Each structure stands twice: as C-alpha cells, then as structure tokens.
C-alpha cells in the first residue's frame, strides 16, 4: 500500500501565487466590469489562502483572524459593488470598464 504525502505549504503558496496572477491578468486585460470584479475577488481569496497557509505554518491564529475580517469586508464589498454594476448594466447594455469613467461627477 502506497501512502501519498500531504502537500506542504509550498504547494499552497504556489497555488495562491498562481491564483493571484490569474486575477491580476484578468483585471488588466478584461474590460467587462463583472469579470473584473470576479478577478478582484479571486485575488482576495488568493491572499486569504496565503494567510491561512502561513498561520498554519507558524502555528499562529492571527492569520486566520485576518482572513475572517477580509471575508467580512469582501462580503460587504460584493453587496455594494455588485449593486452598482447591476444598476449600470440595467441602464446601459454592454457597458465596459471605460464607461465607468462617466460616473465621475
């Protein structure tokens, strides 16, 4: 019977860096505000994965507490941001990120 070793923290940190890079490329390349919003959320989750990995590695609860607060703030951000994006899409079909500059007063 072959037992597989559990992945170490390097695997989780590599995955986190990859997810953050995908989110960054998505924000920089895509012009759809909804896709950009999802890419920002992907970047937040990548940072959360880093916090949890380092908190477990250092045997410290501080990283997991930070993740809890980031998730609470991200939930509030989703409510407000998604509401704004949906209202913009209702007024203008096919809105892009370039059109968001029209919101300036």
C-alpha atoms as a PDB file:
ATOM      1  CA  UNK A   1       0.000   0.000   0.000  1.00  0.00           C
ATOM      2  CA  UNK A   2       1.422   3.351  -1.081  1.00  0.00           C
ATOM      3  CA  UNK A   3       0.697   6.341   1.109  1.00  0.00           C
ATOM      4  CA  UNK A   4       0.779   9.735  -0.525  1.00  0.00           C
ATOM      5  CA  UNK A   5       2.372  12.540   1.419  1.00  0.00           C
ATOM      6  CA  UNK A   6       0.228  15.563   2.198  1.00  0.00           C
ATOM      7  CA  UNK A   7       1.118  18.662   0.195  1.00  0.00           C
ATOM      8  CA  UNK A   8       3.368  21.033   2.055  1.00  0.00           C
ATOM      9  CA  UNK A   9       2.966  24.779   2.442  1.00  0.00           C
ATOM     10  CA  UNK A  10       4.971  25.361  -0.738  1.00  0.00           C
ATOM     11  CA  UNK A  11       2.136  23.861  -2.771  1.00  0.00           C
ATOM     12  CA  UNK A  12      -0.432  26.148  -1.182  1.00  0.00           C
ATOM     13  CA  UNK A  13       1.744  29.227  -1.600  1.00  0.00           C
ATOM     14  CA  UNK A  14       2.370  28.336  -5.240  1.00  0.00           C
ATOM     15  CA  UNK A  15      -1.347  27.869  -5.815  1.00  0.00           C
ATOM     16  CA  UNK A  16      -2.004  31.198  -4.120  1.00  0.00           C
ATOM     17  CA  UNK A  17       0.551  32.969  -6.316  1.00  0.00           C
ATOM     18  CA  UNK A  18      -0.958  31.370  -9.423  1.00  0.00           C
ATOM     19  CA  UNK A  19      -4.499  32.425  -8.445  1.00  0.00           C
ATOM     20  CA  UNK A  20      -3.319  35.949  -7.688  1.00  0.00           C
ATOM     21  CA  UNK A  21      -1.550  36.138 -11.067  1.00  0.00           C
ATOM     22  CA  UNK A  22      -4.685  34.936 -12.881  1.00  0.00           C
ATOM     23  CA  UNK A  23      -6.737  37.561 -11.064  1.00  0.00           C
ATOM     24  CA  UNK A  24      -4.241  40.304 -11.892  1.00  0.00           C
ATOM     25  CA  UNK A  25      -4.165  39.383 -15.572  1.00  0.00           C
ATOM     26  CA  UNK A  26      -7.970  39.278 -15.600  1.00  0.00           C
ATOM     27  CA  UNK A  27      -8.239  42.768 -14.110  1.00  0.00           C
ATOM     28  CA  UNK A  28      -5.669  44.199 -16.510  1.00  0.00           C
ATOM     29  CA  UNK A  29      -6.931  42.559 -19.705  1.00  0.00           C
ATOM     30  CA  UNK A  30     -10.702  42.232 -19.428  1.00  0.00           C
ATOM     31  CA  UNK A  31     -12.960  45.257 -19.912  1.00  0.00           C
ATOM     32  CA  UNK A  32     -16.181  43.737 -18.571  1.00  0.00           C
ATOM     33  CA  UNK A  33     -16.785  45.195 -15.079  1.00  0.00           C
ATOM     34  CA  UNK A  34     -18.396  41.998 -13.808  1.00  0.00           C
ATOM     35  CA  UNK A  35     -15.419  39.869 -14.878  1.00  0.00           C
ATOM     36  CA  UNK A  36     -13.037  42.421 -13.394  1.00  0.00           C
ATOM     37  CA  UNK A  37     -14.993  42.287 -10.141  1.00  0.00           C
ATOM     38  CA  UNK A  38     -14.727  38.494 -10.048  1.00  0.00           C
ATOM     39  CA  UNK A  39     -10.977  38.728 -10.708  1.00  0.00           C
ATOM     40  CA  UNK A  40     -10.574  41.080  -7.737  1.00  0.00           C
ATOM     41  CA  UNK A  41     -12.445  38.552  -5.592  1.00  0.00           C
ATOM     42  CA  UNK A  42     -10.120  35.821  -6.887  1.00  0.00           C
ATOM     43  CA  UNK A  43      -7.147  37.932  -5.826  1.00  0.00           C
ATOM     44  CA  UNK A  44      -8.652  38.404  -2.353  1.00  0.00           C
ATOM     45  CA  UNK A  45      -9.138  34.658  -1.998  1.00  0.00           C
ATOM     46  CA  UNK A  46      -5.528  34.056  -3.073  1.00  0.00           C
ATOM     47  CA  UNK A  47      -4.343  36.365  -0.309  1.00  0.00           C
ATOM     48  CA  UNK A  48      -6.640  34.561   2.141  1.00  0.00           C
ATOM     49  CA  UNK A  49      -5.076  31.246   1.157  1.00  0.00           C
ATOM     50  CA  UNK A  50      -1.638  32.722   1.835  1.00  0.00           C
ATOM     51  CA  UNK A  51      -2.737  33.986   5.245  1.00  0.00           C
ATOM     52  CA  UNK A  52      -4.169  30.608   6.243  1.00  0.00           C
ATOM     53  CA  UNK A  53      -1.111  28.735   4.993  1.00  0.00           C
ATOM     54  CA  UNK A  54       1.312  30.951   6.877  1.00  0.00           C
ATOM     55  CA  UNK A  55      -0.858  30.945  10.001  1.00  0.00           C
ATOM     56  CA  UNK A  56      -0.859  27.152   9.989  1.00  0.00           C
ATOM     57  CA  UNK A  57       2.873  27.009   9.299  1.00  0.00           C
ATOM     58  CA  UNK A  58       3.709  29.462  12.094  1.00  0.00           C
ATOM     59  CA  UNK A  59       1.099  27.952  14.424  1.00  0.00           C
ATOM     60  CA  UNK A  60      -0.436  31.375  14.933  1.00  0.00           C
ATOM     61  CA  UNK A  61      -4.120  32.251  14.981  1.00  0.00           C
ATOM     62  CA  UNK A  62      -3.560  35.817  13.743  1.00  0.00           C
ATOM     63  CA  UNK A  63      -3.590  34.901  10.060  1.00  0.00           C
ATOM     64  CA  UNK A  64      -6.900  33.109  10.356  1.00  0.00           C
ATOM     65  CA  UNK A  65      -8.411  36.047  12.228  1.00  0.00           C
ATOM     66  CA  UNK A  66      -7.211  38.346   9.431  1.00  0.00           C
ATOM     67  CA  UNK A  67      -8.894  36.055   6.892  1.00  0.00           C
ATOM     68  CA  UNK A  68     -12.135  36.283   8.837  1.00  0.00           C
ATOM     69  CA  UNK A  69     -12.064  40.084   8.686  1.00  0.00           C
ATOM     70  CA  UNK A  70     -11.106  40.074   4.988  1.00  0.00           C
ATOM     71  CA  UNK A  71     -14.072  37.794   4.247  1.00  0.00           C
ATOM     72  CA  UNK A  72     -16.443  40.089   6.141  1.00  0.00           C
ATOM     73  CA  UNK A  73     -15.189  43.157   4.265  1.00  0.00           C
ATOM     74  CA  UNK A  74     -15.302  41.241   0.959  1.00  0.00           C
ATOM     75  CA  UNK A  75     -18.926  40.276   1.598  1.00  0.00           C
ATOM     76  CA  UNK A  76     -19.838  43.930   2.125  1.00  0.00           C
ATOM     77  CA  UNK A  77     -17.856  44.850  -0.980  1.00  0.00           C
ATOM     78  CA  UNK A  78     -19.736  42.280  -3.024  1.00  0.00           C
ATOM     79  CA  UNK A  79     -23.100  43.668  -1.933  1.00  0.00           C
ATOM     80  CA  UNK A  80     -22.228  47.276  -2.767  1.00  0.00           C
ATOM     81  CA  UNK A  81     -20.103  46.595  -5.848  1.00  0.00           C
ATOM     82  CA  UNK A  82     -22.490  44.120  -7.401  1.00  0.00           C
ATOM     83  CA  UNK A  83     -25.387  46.507  -6.819  1.00  0.00           C
ATOM     84  CA  UNK A  84     -23.541  49.275  -8.640  1.00  0.00           C
ATOM     85  CA  UNK A  85     -22.511  47.016 -11.506  1.00  0.00           C
ATOM     86  CA  UNK A  86     -26.022  45.614 -11.957  1.00  0.00           C
ATOM     87  CA  UNK A  87     -27.542  49.111 -11.960  1.00  0.00           C
ATOM     88  CA  UNK A  88     -25.054  50.216 -14.612  1.00  0.00           C
ATOM     89  CA  UNK A  89     -25.834  47.175 -16.765  1.00  0.00           C
ATOM     90  CA  UNK A  90     -29.565  47.885 -16.486  1.00  0.00           C
ATOM     91  CA  UNK A  91     -29.080  51.408 -17.807  1.00  0.00           C
ATOM     92  CA  UNK A  92     -26.518  50.602 -20.489  1.00  0.00           C
ATOM     93  CA  UNK A  93     -26.396  47.258 -22.209  1.00  0.00           C
ATOM     94  CA  UNK A  94     -22.850  46.135 -22.962  1.00  0.00           C
ATOM     95  CA  UNK A  95     -21.152  48.568 -20.595  1.00  0.00           C
ATOM     96  CA  UNK A  96     -17.369  48.302 -20.324  1.00  0.00           C
ATOM     97  CA  UNK A  97     -14.873  49.478 -17.745  1.00  0.00           C
ATOM     98  CA  UNK A  98     -14.154  52.517 -19.927  1.00  0.00           C
ATOM     99  CA  UNK A  99     -17.780  53.591 -19.498  1.00  0.00           C
ATOM    100  CA  UNK A 100     -17.389  53.683 -15.708  1.00  0.00           C
ATOM    101  CA  UNK A 101     -15.479  56.954 -16.054  1.00  0.00           C
ATOM    102  CA  UNK A 102     -18.852  58.544 -16.837  1.00  0.00           C
ATOM    103  CA  UNK A 103     -19.774  58.122 -13.166  1.00  0.00           C
ATOM    104  CA  UNK A 104     -17.456  60.970 -12.209  1.00  0.00           C
ATOM    105  CA  UNK A 105     -19.448  63.985 -11.084  1.00  0.00           C
END
